[in-house]
Amino acid sequence: MSNITPQNPQINRTIWKKAEDRERALAKAEGSAEVLNIVIYPKDKSKLKFIHNNIAIPIAYVKIIETKDTKECYEFPNHEVENESLESYKVECNAWAICRR
């Protein structure tokens, strides 16, 4: 599997970039950071959309950033958004605990 998925350009240039900046800042401040990026597709396969070469388009992305003192989780929709504040996409990390097994 590739680490590239079809991501809305606005998301990529704004809130996703802010999340990457945040993970770098935490890693620098605390010495290191573990980052988990999760790609979300619709549960209902009939709602999947594709680009060329039959590549499925995700509906959302989750970024989990964990350091020795900090754990932050964000969930971003994969469509144009009006609110570009990183804080508005922060979610409870407990919902993603299963991903950390």
PDB file of N, CA and C in Angstrom:
ATOM      1  N   MET A   1       0.847  -1.178   0.000  1.00  0.00           N
ATOM      2  CA  MET A   1       0.000   0.000   0.000  1.00  0.00           C
ATOM      3  C   MET A   1       0.893   1.243   0.000  1.00  0.00           C
ATOM      4  N   SER A   2       0.444   2.245  -0.672  1.00  0.00           N
ATOM      5  CA  SER A   2       1.186   3.494  -0.780  1.00  0.00           C
ATOM      6  C   SER A   2       0.830   4.433   0.365  1.00  0.00           C
ATOM      7  N   ASN A   3       1.696   5.387   0.626  1.00  0.00           N
ATOM      8  CA  ASN A   3       1.384   6.384   1.637  1.00  0.00           C
ATOM      9  C   ASN A   3       0.733   7.616   1.012  1.00  0.00           C
ATOM     10  N   ILE A   4       0.271   7.477  -0.211  1.00  0.00           N
ATOM     11  CA  ILE A   4      -0.383   8.587  -0.906  1.00  0.00           C
ATOM     12  C   ILE A   4      -1.839   8.219  -1.158  1.00  0.00           C
ATOM     13  N   THR A   5      -2.749   9.129  -0.757  1.00  0.00           N
ATOM     14  CA  THR A   5      -4.165   8.950  -1.039  1.00  0.00           C
ATOM     15  C   THR A   5      -4.696  10.260  -1.606  1.00  0.00           C
ATOM     16  N   PRO A   6      -5.792  10.220  -2.350  1.00  0.00           N
ATOM     17  CA  PRO A   6      -6.360  11.453  -2.903  1.00  0.00           C
ATOM     18  C   PRO A   6      -6.889  12.349  -1.773  1.00  0.00           C
ATOM     19  N   GLN A   7      -6.206  13.459  -1.555  1.00  0.00           N
ATOM     20  CA  GLN A   7      -6.589  14.387  -0.487  1.00  0.00           C
ATOM     21  C   GLN A   7      -6.994  15.719  -1.097  1.00  0.00           C
ATOM     22  N   ASN A   8      -8.093  16.266  -0.594  1.00  0.00           N
ATOM     23  CA  ASN A   8      -8.567  17.559  -1.062  1.00  0.00           C
ATOM     24  C   ASN A   8      -7.424  18.573  -0.960  1.00  0.00           C
ATOM     25  N   PRO A   9      -7.123  19.316  -2.023  1.00  0.00           N
ATOM     26  CA  PRO A   9      -5.997  20.256  -2.000  1.00  0.00           C
ATOM     27  C   PRO A   9      -6.104  21.311  -0.900  1.00  0.00           C
ATOM     28  N   GLN A  10      -7.308  21.801  -0.631  1.00  0.00           N
ATOM     29  CA  GLN A  10      -7.472  22.813   0.414  1.00  0.00           C
ATOM     30  C   GLN A  10      -7.092  22.233   1.776  1.00  0.00           C
ATOM     31  N   ILE A  11      -7.522  21.017   2.066  1.00  0.00           N
ATOM     32  CA  ILE A  11      -7.180  20.356   3.326  1.00  0.00           C
ATOM     33  C   ILE A  11      -5.664  20.188   3.407  1.00  0.00           C
ATOM     34  N   ASN A  12      -5.066  19.705   2.321  1.00  0.00           N
ATOM     35  CA  ASN A  12      -3.634  19.458   2.296  1.00  0.00           C
ATOM     36  C   ASN A  12      -2.831  20.725   2.558  1.00  0.00           C
ATOM     37  N   ARG A  13      -3.264  21.845   2.021  1.00  0.00           N
ATOM     38  CA  ARG A  13      -2.525  23.106   2.152  1.00  0.00           C
ATOM     39  C   ARG A  13      -2.824  23.846   3.446  1.00  0.00           C
ATOM     40  N   THR A  14      -3.881  23.477   4.148  1.00  0.00           N
ATOM     41  CA  THR A  14      -4.260  24.249   5.342  1.00  0.00           C
ATOM     42  C   THR A  14      -4.212  23.397   6.599  1.00  0.00           C
ATOM     43  N   ILE A  15      -5.324  22.762   6.959  1.00  0.00           N
ATOM     44  CA  ILE A  15      -5.369  22.092   8.264  1.00  0.00           C
ATOM     45  C   ILE A  15      -4.440  20.879   8.357  1.00  0.00           C
ATOM     46  N   TRP A  16      -4.243  20.151   7.262  1.00  0.00           N
ATOM     47  CA  TRP A  16      -3.312  19.018   7.307  1.00  0.00           C
ATOM     48  C   TRP A  16      -1.895  19.537   7.514  1.00  0.00           C
ATOM     49  N   LYS A  17      -1.545  20.630   6.832  1.00  0.00           N
ATOM     50  CA  LYS A  17      -0.227  21.243   7.013  1.00  0.00           C
ATOM     51  C   LYS A  17      -0.060  21.728   8.452  1.00  0.00           C
ATOM     52  N   LYS A  18      -1.106  22.327   9.018  1.00  0.00           N
ATOM     53  CA  LYS A  18      -1.035  22.788  10.413  1.00  0.00           C
ATOM     54  C   LYS A  18      -0.817  21.610  11.358  1.00  0.00           C
ATOM     55  N   ALA A  19      -1.451  20.471  11.076  1.00  0.00           N
ATOM     56  CA  ALA A  19      -1.269  19.279  11.911  1.00  0.00           C
ATOM     57  C   ALA A  19       0.170  18.758  11.794  1.00  0.00           C
ATOM     58  N   GLU A  20       0.728  18.782  10.583  1.00  0.00           N
ATOM     59  CA  GLU A  20       2.121  18.360  10.409  1.00  0.00           C
ATOM     60  C   GLU A  20       3.072  19.325  11.114  1.00  0.00           C
ATOM     61  N   ASP A  21       2.771  20.617  11.055  1.00  0.00           N
ATOM     62  CA  ASP A  21       3.581  21.602  11.789  1.00  0.00           C
ATOM     63  C   ASP A  21       3.508  21.337  13.293  1.00  0.00           C
ATOM     64  N   ARG A  22       2.316  20.993  13.773  1.00  0.00           N
ATOM     65  CA  ARG A  22       2.126  20.701  15.200  1.00  0.00           C
ATOM     66  C   ARG A  22       2.942  19.469  15.611  1.00  0.00           C
ATOM     67  N   GLU A  23       2.915  18.422  14.796  1.00  0.00           N
ATOM     68  CA  GLU A  23       3.678  17.215  15.152  1.00  0.00           C
ATOM     69  C   GLU A  23       5.182  17.506  15.168  1.00  0.00           C
ATOM     70  N   ARG A  24       5.672  18.319  14.243  1.00  0.00           N
ATOM     71  CA  ARG A  24       7.091  18.682  14.242  1.00  0.00           C
ATOM     72  C   ARG A  24       7.446  19.505  15.479  1.00  0.00           C
ATOM     73  N   ALA A  25       6.567  20.435  15.846  1.00  0.00           N
ATOM     74  CA  ALA A  25       6.821  21.280  17.027  1.00  0.00           C
ATOM     75  C   ALA A  25       6.863  20.434  18.300  1.00  0.00           C
ATOM     76  N   LEU A  26       5.915  19.488  18.421  1.00  0.00           N
ATOM     77  CA  LEU A  26       5.917  18.610  19.598  1.00  0.00           C
ATOM     78  C   LEU A  26       7.163  17.729  19.629  1.00  0.00           C
ATOM     79  N   ALA A  27       7.552  17.195  18.476  1.00  0.00           N
ATOM     80  CA  ALA A  27       8.746  16.349  18.418  1.00  0.00           C
ATOM     81  C   ALA A  27       9.991  17.140  18.803  1.00  0.00           C
ATOM     82  N   LYS A  28      10.068  18.361  18.343  1.00  0.00           N
ATOM     83  CA  LYS A  28      11.219  19.206  18.674  1.00  0.00           C
ATOM     84  C   LYS A  28      11.228  19.559  20.166  1.00  0.00           C
ATOM     85  N   ALA A  29      10.064  19.902  20.694  1.00  0.00           N
ATOM     86  CA  ALA A  29       9.971  20.308  22.101  1.00  0.00           C
ATOM     87  C   ALA A  29      10.210  19.147  23.053  1.00  0.00           C
ATOM     88  N   GLU A  30       9.769  17.941  22.673  1.00  0.00           N
ATOM     89  CA  GLU A  30       9.836  16.803  23.590  1.00  0.00           C
ATOM     90  C   GLU A  30      10.859  15.744  23.190  1.00  0.00           C
ATOM     91  N   GLY A  31      11.593  15.979  22.126  1.00  0.00           N
ATOM     92  CA  GLY A  31      12.641  15.058  21.728  1.00  0.00           C
ATOM     93  C   GLY A  31      12.251  14.044  20.674  1.00  0.00           C
ATOM     94  N   SER A  32      10.989  13.653  20.640  1.00  0.00           N
ATOM     95  CA  SER A  32      10.499  12.728  19.621  1.00  0.00           C
ATOM     96  C   SER A  32       8.974  12.685  19.685  1.00  0.00           C
ATOM     97  N   ALA A  33       8.389  12.146  18.631  1.00  0.00           N
ATOM     98  CA  ALA A  33       6.938  11.976  18.591  1.00  0.00           C
ATOM     99  C   ALA A  33       6.610  10.772  17.727  1.00  0.00           C
ATOM    100  N   GLU A  34       5.587  10.044  18.132  1.00  0.00           N
ATOM    101  CA  GLU A  34       5.045   8.968  17.307  1.00  0.00           C
ATOM    102  C   GLU A  34       3.785   9.509  16.647  1.00  0.00           C
ATOM    103  N   VAL A  35       3.648   9.238  15.353  1.00  0.00           N
ATOM    104  CA  VAL A  35       2.502   9.757  14.610  1.00  0.00           C
ATOM    105  C   VAL A  35       1.850   8.603  13.866  1.00  0.00           C
ATOM    106  N   LEU A  36       0.538   8.519  14.000  1.00  0.00           N
ATOM    107  CA  LEU A  36      -0.234   7.525  13.277  1.00  0.00           C
ATOM    108  C   LEU A  36      -1.253   8.262  12.424  1.00  0.00           C
ATOM    109  N   ASN A  37      -1.217   8.028  11.122  1.00  0.00           N
ATOM    110  CA  ASN A  37      -2.196   8.608  10.204  1.00  0.00           C
ATOM    111  C   ASN A  37      -3.135   7.495   9.751  1.00  0.00           C
ATOM    112  N   ILE A  38      -4.418   7.758   9.869  1.00  0.00           N
ATOM    113  CA  ILE A  38      -5.439   6.768   9.529  1.00  0.00           C
ATOM    114  C   ILE A  38      -6.295   7.320   8.389  1.00  0.00           C
ATOM    115  N   VAL A  39      -6.556   6.486   7.411  1.00  0.00           N
ATOM    116  CA  VAL A  39      -7.376   6.863   6.270  1.00  0.00           C
ATOM    117  C   VAL A  39      -8.748   6.222   6.459  1.00  0.00           C
ATOM    118  N   ILE A  40      -9.816   7.034   6.348  1.00  0.00           N
ATOM    119  CA  ILE A  40     -11.180   6.546   6.567  1.00  0.00           C
ATOM    120  C   ILE A  40     -11.937   6.506   5.241  1.00  0.00           C
ATOM    121  N   TYR A  41     -12.545   5.362   4.965  1.00  0.00           N
ATOM    122  CA  TYR A  41     -13.389   5.191   3.785  1.00  0.00           C
ATOM    123  C   TYR A  41     -14.819   4.949   4.260  1.00  0.00           C
ATOM    124  N   PRO A  42     -15.817   5.218   3.427  1.00  0.00           N
ATOM    125  CA  PRO A  42     -17.203   4.974   3.859  1.00  0.00           C
ATOM    126  C   PRO A  42     -17.444   3.493   4.115  1.00  0.00           C
ATOM    127  N   LYS A  43     -18.218   3.210   5.159  1.00  0.00           N
ATOM    128  CA  LYS A  43     -18.561   1.807   5.461  1.00  0.00           C
ATOM    129  C   LYS A  43     -19.415   1.211   4.357  1.00  0.00           C
ATOM    130  N   ASP A  44     -20.296   2.029   3.809  1.00  0.00           N
ATOM    131  CA  ASP A  44     -21.166   1.596   2.719  1.00  0.00           C
ATOM    132  C   ASP A  44     -20.378   1.681   1.408  1.00  0.00           C
ATOM    133  N   LYS A  45     -19.966   0.547   0.887  1.00  0.00           N
ATOM    134  CA  LYS A  45     -19.123   0.503  -0.312  1.00  0.00           C
ATOM    135  C   LYS A  45     -19.783   1.159  -1.522  1.00  0.00           C
ATOM    136  N   SER A  46     -21.114   1.242  -1.528  1.00  0.00           N
ATOM    137  CA  SER A  46     -21.797   1.882  -2.658  1.00  0.00           C
ATOM    138  C   SER A  46     -21.569   3.393  -2.668  1.00  0.00           C
ATOM    139  N   LYS A  47     -21.057   3.946  -1.560  1.00  0.00           N
ATOM    140  CA  LYS A  47     -20.791   5.383  -1.470  1.00  0.00           C
ATOM    141  C   LYS A  47     -19.333   5.733  -1.784  1.00  0.00           C
ATOM    142  N   LEU A  48     -18.537   4.718  -2.099  1.00  0.00           N
ATOM    143  CA  LEU A  48     -17.150   4.965  -2.479  1.00  0.00           C
ATOM    144  C   LEU A  48     -17.090   5.740  -3.787  1.00  0.00           C
ATOM    145  N   LYS A  49     -16.177   6.703  -3.850  1.00  0.00           N
ATOM    146  CA  LYS A  49     -15.907   7.437  -5.080  1.00  0.00           C
ATOM    147  C   LYS A  49     -14.474   7.142  -5.472  1.00  0.00           C
ATOM    148  N   PHE A  50     -14.211   7.204  -6.770  1.00  0.00           N
ATOM    149  CA  PHE A  50     -12.901   6.822  -7.283  1.00  0.00           C
ATOM    150  C   PHE A  50     -12.340   7.884  -8.217  1.00  0.00           C
ATOM    151  N   ILE A  51     -11.007   7.924  -8.280  1.00  0.00           N
ATOM    152  CA  ILE A  51     -10.341   8.713  -9.307  1.00  0.00           C
ATOM    153  C   ILE A  51      -9.788   7.720 -10.328  1.00  0.00           C
ATOM    154  N   HIS A  52      -8.969   8.199 -11.262  1.00  0.00           N
ATOM    155  CA  HIS A  52      -8.426   7.324 -12.298  1.00  0.00           C
ATOM    156  C   HIS A  52      -7.704   6.116 -11.695  1.00  0.00           C
ATOM    157  N   ASN A  53      -7.556   5.100 -12.468  1.00  0.00           N
ATOM    158  CA  ASN A  53      -6.917   3.842 -12.049  1.00  0.00           C
ATOM    159  C   ASN A  53      -7.644   3.173 -10.897  1.00  0.00           C
ATOM    160  N   ASN A  54      -8.930   3.505 -10.720  1.00  0.00           N
ATOM    161  CA  ASN A  54      -9.784   2.864  -9.716  1.00  0.00           C
ATOM    162  C   ASN A  54      -9.265   3.061  -8.290  1.00  0.00           C
ATOM    163  N   ILE A  55      -8.716   4.248  -7.996  1.00  0.00           N
ATOM    164  CA  ILE A  55      -8.205   4.569  -6.664  1.00  0.00           C
ATOM    165  C   ILE A  55      -9.330   5.201  -5.849  1.00  0.00           C
ATOM    166  N   ALA A  56      -9.656   4.590  -4.704  1.00  0.00           N
ATOM    167  CA  ALA A  56     -10.758   5.073  -3.856  1.00  0.00           C
ATOM    168  C   ALA A  56     -10.372   6.372  -3.156  1.00  0.00           C
ATOM    169  N   ILE A  57     -11.353   7.249  -3.010  1.00  0.00           N
ATOM    170  CA  ILE A  57     -11.149   8.533  -2.350  1.00  0.00           C
ATOM    171  C   ILE A  57     -11.624   8.424  -0.903  1.00  0.00           C
ATOM    172  N   PRO A  58     -10.739   8.687   0.066  1.00  0.00           N
ATOM    173  CA  PRO A  58     -11.136   8.638   1.481  1.00  0.00           C
ATOM    174  C   PRO A  58     -12.154   9.736   1.803  1.00  0.00           C
ATOM    175  N   ILE A  59     -12.959   9.485   2.837  1.00  0.00           N
ATOM    176  CA  ILE A  59     -13.902  10.513   3.290  1.00  0.00           C
ATOM    177  C   ILE A  59     -13.320  11.343   4.427  1.00  0.00           C
ATOM    178  N   ALA A  60     -12.279  10.816   5.073  1.00  0.00           N
ATOM    179  CA  ALA A  60     -11.676  11.548   6.195  1.00  0.00           C
ATOM    180  C   ALA A  60     -10.294  10.975   6.507  1.00  0.00           C
ATOM    181  N   TYR A  61      -9.577  11.743   7.321  1.00  0.00           N
ATOM    182  CA  TYR A  61      -8.262  11.332   7.808  1.00  0.00           C
ATOM    183  C   TYR A  61      -8.198  11.581   9.309  1.00  0.00           C
ATOM    184  N   VAL A  62      -7.472  10.727  10.002  1.00  0.00           N
ATOM    185  CA  VAL A  62      -7.231  10.913  11.434  1.00  0.00           C
ATOM    186  C   VAL A  62      -5.721  10.974  11.626  1.00  0.00           C
ATOM    187  N   LYS A  63      -5.277  11.891  12.455  1.00  0.00           N
ATOM    188  CA  LYS A  63      -3.867  11.999  12.808  1.00  0.00           C
ATOM    189  C   LYS A  63      -3.766  11.916  14.326  1.00  0.00           C
ATOM    190  N   ILE A  64      -2.972  10.952  14.807  1.00  0.00           N
ATOM    191  CA  ILE A  64      -2.719  10.789  16.236  1.00  0.00           C
ATOM    192  C   ILE A  64      -1.253  11.122  16.474  1.00  0.00           C
ATOM    193  N   ILE A  65      -1.015  12.075  17.365  1.00  0.00           N
ATOM    194  CA  ILE A  65       0.344  12.493  17.706  1.00  0.00           C
ATOM    195  C   ILE A  65       0.566  12.176  19.179  1.00  0.00           C
ATOM    196  N   GLU A  66       1.630  11.414  19.452  1.00  0.00           N
ATOM    197  CA  GLU A  66       1.894  11.044  20.844  1.00  0.00           C
ATOM    198  C   GLU A  66       3.371  11.256  21.161  1.00  0.00           C
ATOM    199  N   THR A  67       3.607  11.943  22.285  1.00  0.00           N
ATOM    200  CA  THR A  67       4.955  12.118  22.818  1.00  0.00           C
ATOM    201  C   THR A  67       4.949  11.566  24.231  1.00  0.00           C
ATOM    202  N   LYS A  68       6.062  11.696  24.925  1.00  0.00           N
ATOM    203  CA  LYS A  68       6.099  11.185  26.292  1.00  0.00           C
ATOM    204  C   LYS A  68       5.118  11.925  27.205  1.00  0.00           C
ATOM    205  N   ASP A  69       4.790  13.184  26.893  1.00  0.00           N
ATOM    206  CA  ASP A  69       3.907  13.982  27.752  1.00  0.00           C
ATOM    207  C   ASP A  69       2.586  14.402  27.111  1.00  0.00           C
ATOM    208  N   THR A  70       2.417  14.143  25.832  1.00  0.00           N
ATOM    209  CA  THR A  70       1.270  14.682  25.099  1.00  0.00           C
ATOM    210  C   THR A  70       0.653  13.620  24.202  1.00  0.00           C
ATOM    211  N   LYS A  71      -0.674  13.667  24.077  1.00  0.00           N
ATOM    212  CA  LYS A  71      -1.355  12.846  23.084  1.00  0.00           C
ATOM    213  C   LYS A  71      -2.480  13.700  22.513  1.00  0.00           C
ATOM    214  N   GLU A  72      -2.430  13.901  21.205  1.00  0.00           N
ATOM    215  CA  GLU A  72      -3.444  14.705  20.530  1.00  0.00           C
ATOM    216  C   GLU A  72      -3.972  13.928  19.333  1.00  0.00           C
ATOM    217  N   CYS A  73      -5.286  14.033  19.113  1.00  0.00           N
ATOM    218  CA  CYS A  73      -5.920  13.352  17.996  1.00  0.00           C
ATOM    219  C   CYS A  73      -6.776  14.351  17.220  1.00  0.00           C
ATOM    220  N   TYR A  74      -6.705  14.234  15.906  1.00  0.00           N
ATOM    221  CA  TYR A  74      -7.453  15.127  15.023  1.00  0.00           C
ATOM    222  C   TYR A  74      -8.151  14.297  13.957  1.00  0.00           C
ATOM    223  N   GLU A  75      -9.347  14.726  13.572  1.00  0.00           N
ATOM    224  CA  GLU A  75     -10.061  14.073  12.477  1.00  0.00           C
ATOM    225  C   GLU A  75     -10.462  15.146  11.471  1.00  0.00           C
ATOM    226  N   PHE A  76     -10.043  14.938  10.220  1.00  0.00           N
ATOM    227  CA  PHE A  76     -10.264  15.918   9.161  1.00  0.00           C
ATOM    228  C   PHE A  76     -11.136  15.329   8.058  1.00  0.00           C
ATOM    229  N   PRO A  77     -12.159  16.052   7.626  1.00  0.00           N
ATOM    230  CA  PRO A  77     -12.934  15.592   6.476  1.00  0.00           C
ATOM    231  C   PRO A  77     -12.104  15.766   5.210  1.00  0.00           C
ATOM    232  N   ASN A  78     -12.376  14.994   4.201  1.00  0.00           N
ATOM    233  CA  ASN A  78     -11.646  15.101   2.938  1.00  0.00           C
ATOM    234  C   ASN A  78     -12.479  15.875   1.917  1.00  0.00           C
ATOM    235  N   HIS A  79     -12.862  17.078   2.300  1.00  0.00           N
ATOM    236  CA  HIS A  79     -13.594  17.977   1.397  1.00  0.00           C
ATOM    237  C   HIS A  79     -13.309  19.411   1.803  1.00  0.00           C
ATOM    238  N   GLU A  80     -13.677  20.352   0.966  1.00  0.00           N
ATOM    239  CA  GLU A  80     -13.469  21.769   1.274  1.00  0.00           C
ATOM    240  C   GLU A  80     -14.133  22.100   2.609  1.00  0.00           C
ATOM    241  N   VAL A  81     -13.442  22.904   3.414  1.00  0.00           N
ATOM    242  CA  VAL A  81     -13.984  23.322   4.701  1.00  0.00           C
ATOM    243  C   VAL A  81     -13.865  24.834   4.835  1.00  0.00           C
ATOM    244  N   GLU A  82     -14.744  25.407   5.637  1.00  0.00           N
ATOM    245  CA  GLU A  82     -14.674  26.840   5.901  1.00  0.00           C
ATOM    246  C   GLU A  82     -13.751  27.131   7.082  1.00  0.00           C
ATOM    247  N   ASN A  83     -13.795  26.267   8.091  1.00  0.00           N
ATOM    248  CA  ASN A  83     -13.008  26.490   9.295  1.00  0.00           C
ATOM    249  C   ASN A  83     -11.631  25.847   9.125  1.00  0.00           C
ATOM    250  N   GLU A  84     -10.579  26.657   9.136  1.00  0.00           N
ATOM    251  CA  GLU A  84      -9.232  26.146   8.952  1.00  0.00           C
ATOM    252  C   GLU A  84      -8.427  26.163  10.255  1.00  0.00           C
ATOM    253  N   SER A  85      -9.125  26.238  11.393  1.00  0.00           N
ATOM    254  CA  SER A  85      -8.471  26.203  12.698  1.00  0.00           C
ATOM    255  C   SER A  85      -8.192  24.752  13.082  1.00  0.00           C
ATOM    256  N   LEU A  86      -6.942  24.446  13.384  1.00  0.00           N
ATOM    257  CA  LEU A  86      -6.567  23.085  13.758  1.00  0.00           C
ATOM    258  C   LEU A  86      -7.357  22.606  14.971  1.00  0.00           C
ATOM    259  N   GLU A  87      -7.529  23.460  15.954  1.00  0.00           N
ATOM    260  CA  GLU A  87      -8.235  23.094  17.185  1.00  0.00           C
ATOM    261  C   GLU A  87      -9.657  22.597  16.925  1.00  0.00           C
ATOM    262  N   SER A  88     -10.292  23.088  15.896  1.00  0.00           N
ATOM    263  CA  SER A  88     -11.682  22.687  15.640  1.00  0.00           C
ATOM    264  C   SER A  88     -11.792  21.237  15.161  1.00  0.00           C
ATOM    265  N   TYR A  89     -10.673  20.599  14.818  1.00  0.00           N
ATOM    266  CA  TYR A  89     -10.682  19.212  14.363  1.00  0.00           C
ATOM    267  C   TYR A  89     -10.125  18.248  15.410  1.00  0.00           C
ATOM    268  N   LYS A  90      -9.834  18.771  16.589  1.00  0.00           N
ATOM    269  CA  LYS A  90      -9.335  17.935  17.677  1.00  0.00           C
ATOM    270  C   LYS A  90     -10.473  17.044  18.182  1.00  0.00           C
ATOM    271  N   VAL A  91     -10.180  15.766  18.383  1.00  0.00           N
ATOM    272  CA  VAL A  91     -11.162  14.808  18.880  1.00  0.00           C
ATOM    273  C   VAL A  91     -10.581  14.057  20.063  1.00  0.00           C
ATOM    274  N   GLU A  92     -11.447  13.397  20.806  1.00  0.00           N
ATOM    275  CA  GLU A  92     -11.008  12.560  21.925  1.00  0.00           C
ATOM    276  C   GLU A  92     -10.179  11.399  21.385  1.00  0.00           C
ATOM    277  N   CYS A  93      -9.064  11.166  21.990  1.00  0.00           N
ATOM    278  CA  CYS A  93      -8.193  10.075  21.549  1.00  0.00           C
ATOM    279  C   CYS A  93      -8.743   8.702  21.925  1.00  0.00           C
ATOM    280  N   ASN A  94      -9.600   8.622  22.904  1.00  0.00           N
ATOM    281  CA  ASN A  94     -10.144   7.330  23.338  1.00  0.00           C
ATOM    282  C   ASN A  94     -10.813   6.577  22.199  1.00  0.00           C
ATOM    283  N   ALA A  95     -11.439   7.298  21.288  1.00  0.00           N
ATOM    284  CA  ALA A  95     -12.116   6.649  20.170  1.00  0.00           C
ATOM    285  C   ALA A  95     -11.129   5.920  19.263  1.00  0.00           C
ATOM    286  N   TRP A  96      -9.867   6.319  19.289  1.00  0.00           N
ATOM    287  CA  TRP A  96      -8.856   5.730  18.415  1.00  0.00           C
ATOM    288  C   TRP A  96      -7.900   4.820  19.169  1.00  0.00           C
ATOM    289  N   ALA A  97      -8.198   4.487  20.406  1.00  0.00           N
ATOM    290  CA  ALA A  97      -7.294   3.669  21.226  1.00  0.00           C
ATOM    291  C   ALA A  97      -7.032   2.299  20.601  1.00  0.00           C
ATOM    292  N   ILE A  98      -7.998   1.733  19.922  1.00  0.00           N
ATOM    293  CA  ILE A  98      -7.822   0.413  19.315  1.00  0.00           C
ATOM    294  C   ILE A  98      -6.709   0.431  18.274  1.00  0.00           C
ATOM    295  N   CYS A  99      -6.450   1.568  17.685  1.00  0.00           N
ATOM    296  CA  CYS A  99      -5.406   1.665  16.671  1.00  0.00           C
ATOM    297  C   CYS A  99      -4.016   1.587  17.254  1.00  0.00           C
ATOM    298  N   ARG A 100      -3.887   1.728  18.542  1.00  0.00           N
ATOM    299  CA  ARG A 100      -2.576   1.764  19.182  1.00  0.00           C
ATOM    300  C   ARG A 100      -2.161   0.404  19.758  1.00  0.00           C
ATOM    301  N   ARG A 101      -2.834  -0.668  19.414  1.00  0.00           N
ATOM    302  CA  ARG A 101      -2.469  -1.996  19.931  1.00  0.00           C
ATOM    303  C   ARG A 101      -1.158  -2.472  19.386  1.00  0.00           C
TER     304      ARG A 101
END
